[in-house]
Amino acid sequence: MGVVRLVGVMLAVAGGVLLWTGLRARDSLSERVTEAFTGRNTESTTLYLAGGGAALAGGVLLVLFGGGGRRRR
């Protein structure tokens, strides 16, 4: 396994953790109260969700397509 794919796996795992944290925070009592009054999620929850989703997608892409082709000699 190449270094790029290893970084991709680590990025995908970190993105999954951030996404899971954002989804859990979205169900908290304080988040529900804020959403009831403002109609939106808090900024930190939105950042967890967006950042986690982006990191997960980027990590999966690195795992699938990272490393490129073989080097020519």
C-alpha atoms as a PDB file:
ATOM      1  CA  MET A   1       0.000   0.000   0.000  1.00  0.00           C
ATOM      2  CA  GLY A   2       1.425   3.339  -1.048  1.00  0.00           C
ATOM      3  CA  VAL A   3       1.774   6.410   1.089  1.00  0.00           C
ATOM      4  CA  VAL A   4      -0.969   8.247  -0.798  1.00  0.00           C
ATOM      5  CA  ARG A   5      -3.462   5.461  -0.184  1.00  0.00           C
ATOM      6  CA  LEU A   6      -2.470   5.266   3.471  1.00  0.00           C
ATOM      7  CA  VAL A   7      -3.110   9.002   3.816  1.00  0.00           C
ATOM      8  CA  GLY A   8      -6.437   8.423   2.078  1.00  0.00           C
ATOM      9  CA  VAL A   9      -7.439   5.782   4.609  1.00  0.00           C
ATOM     10  CA  MET A  10      -6.495   8.051   7.503  1.00  0.00           C
ATOM     11  CA  LEU A  11      -8.390  10.961   5.938  1.00  0.00           C
ATOM     12  CA  ALA A  12     -11.468   8.797   5.364  1.00  0.00           C
ATOM     13  CA  VAL A  13     -11.435   7.584   8.971  1.00  0.00           C
ATOM     14  CA  ALA A  14     -11.017  11.121  10.320  1.00  0.00           C
ATOM     15  CA  GLY A  15     -13.805  12.337   8.036  1.00  0.00           C
ATOM     16  CA  GLY A  16     -16.084   9.560   9.233  1.00  0.00           C
ATOM     17  CA  VAL A  17     -15.428  10.502  12.850  1.00  0.00           C
ATOM     18  CA  LEU A  18     -16.119  14.191  12.153  1.00  0.00           C
ATOM     19  CA  LEU A  19     -19.283  13.353  10.255  1.00  0.00           C
ATOM     20  CA  TRP A  20     -20.492  11.074  13.053  1.00  0.00           C
ATOM     21  CA  THR A  21     -19.736  13.809  15.617  1.00  0.00           C
ATOM     22  CA  GLY A  22     -21.715  16.329  13.585  1.00  0.00           C
ATOM     23  CA  LEU A  23     -24.675  13.989  13.279  1.00  0.00           C
ATOM     24  CA  ARG A  24     -24.638  13.323  17.012  1.00  0.00           C
ATOM     25  CA  ALA A  25     -24.369  17.046  17.802  1.00  0.00           C
ATOM     26  CA  ARG A  26     -27.324  17.704  15.502  1.00  0.00           C
ATOM     27  CA  ASP A  27     -29.535  15.617  17.789  1.00  0.00           C
ATOM     28  CA  SER A  28     -28.500  17.370  21.011  1.00  0.00           C
ATOM     29  CA  LEU A  29     -30.960  19.406  23.063  1.00  0.00           C
ATOM     30  CA  SER A  30     -29.102  22.700  22.636  1.00  0.00           C
ATOM     31  CA  GLU A  31     -28.950  22.194  18.869  1.00  0.00           C
ATOM     32  CA  ARG A  32     -32.680  21.507  18.702  1.00  0.00           C
ATOM     33  CA  VAL A  33     -33.444  24.664  20.693  1.00  0.00           C
ATOM     34  CA  THR A  34     -31.182  26.746  18.438  1.00  0.00           C
ATOM     35  CA  GLU A  35     -32.770  25.243  15.351  1.00  0.00           C
ATOM     36  CA  ALA A  36     -36.252  25.935  16.705  1.00  0.00           C
ATOM     37  CA  PHE A  37     -35.497  29.641  17.207  1.00  0.00           C
ATOM     38  CA  THR A  38     -33.259  30.328  14.208  1.00  0.00           C
ATOM     39  CA  GLY A  39     -34.271  27.606  11.778  1.00  0.00           C
ATOM     40  CA  ARG A  40     -30.618  26.655  11.210  1.00  0.00           C
ATOM     41  CA  ASN A  41     -27.956  24.484  12.778  1.00  0.00           C
ATOM     42  CA  THR A  42     -25.166  26.127  14.729  1.00  0.00           C
ATOM     43  CA  GLU A  43     -21.990  27.022  12.876  1.00  0.00           C
ATOM     44  CA  SER A  44     -19.898  24.385  14.635  1.00  0.00           C
ATOM     45  CA  THR A  45     -22.328  21.602  13.756  1.00  0.00           C
ATOM     46  CA  THR A  46     -22.419  22.748  10.143  1.00  0.00           C
ATOM     47  CA  LEU A  47     -18.608  22.742  10.041  1.00  0.00           C
ATOM     48  CA  TYR A  48     -18.480  19.229  11.487  1.00  0.00           C
ATOM     49  CA  LEU A  49     -20.948  17.972   8.897  1.00  0.00           C
ATOM     50  CA  ALA A  50     -19.388  19.735   5.905  1.00  0.00           C
ATOM     51  CA  GLY A  51     -15.793  19.078   6.918  1.00  0.00           C
ATOM     52  CA  GLY A  52     -16.459  15.453   7.765  1.00  0.00           C
ATOM     53  CA  GLY A  53     -18.260  14.834   4.504  1.00  0.00           C
ATOM     54  CA  ALA A  54     -15.511  16.491   2.477  1.00  0.00           C
ATOM     55  CA  ALA A  55     -12.736  14.627   4.292  1.00  0.00           C
ATOM     56  CA  LEU A  56     -14.552  11.323   3.899  1.00  0.00           C
ATOM     57  CA  ALA A  57     -15.097  11.885   0.181  1.00  0.00           C
ATOM     58  CA  GLY A  58     -11.499  13.009  -0.342  1.00  0.00           C
ATOM     59  CA  GLY A  59     -10.148  10.037   1.563  1.00  0.00           C
ATOM     60  CA  VAL A  60     -12.232   7.583  -0.443  1.00  0.00           C
ATOM     61  CA  LEU A  61     -11.065   9.181  -3.690  1.00  0.00           C
ATOM     62  CA  LEU A  62      -7.430   8.947  -2.584  1.00  0.00           C
ATOM     63  CA  VAL A  63      -7.850   5.298  -1.698  1.00  0.00           C
ATOM     64  CA  LEU A  64      -9.511   4.496  -5.013  1.00  0.00           C
ATOM     65  CA  PHE A  65      -7.402   6.601  -7.359  1.00  0.00           C
ATOM     66  CA  GLY A  66      -4.324   7.509  -5.317  1.00  0.00           C
ATOM     67  CA  GLY A  67      -0.906   6.321  -6.263  1.00  0.00           C
ATOM     68  CA  GLY A  68      -1.478   6.815  -9.976  1.00  0.00           C
ATOM     69  CA  GLY A  69       0.145   4.528 -12.470  1.00  0.00           C
ATOM     70  CA  ARG A  70       3.515   2.890 -12.334  1.00  0.00           C
ATOM     71  CA  ARG A  71       6.614   4.946 -12.936  1.00  0.00           C
ATOM     72  CA  ARG A  72       8.263   4.710 -16.287  1.00  0.00           C
ATOM     73  CA  ARG A  73      11.942   4.034 -16.429  1.00  0.00           C
END
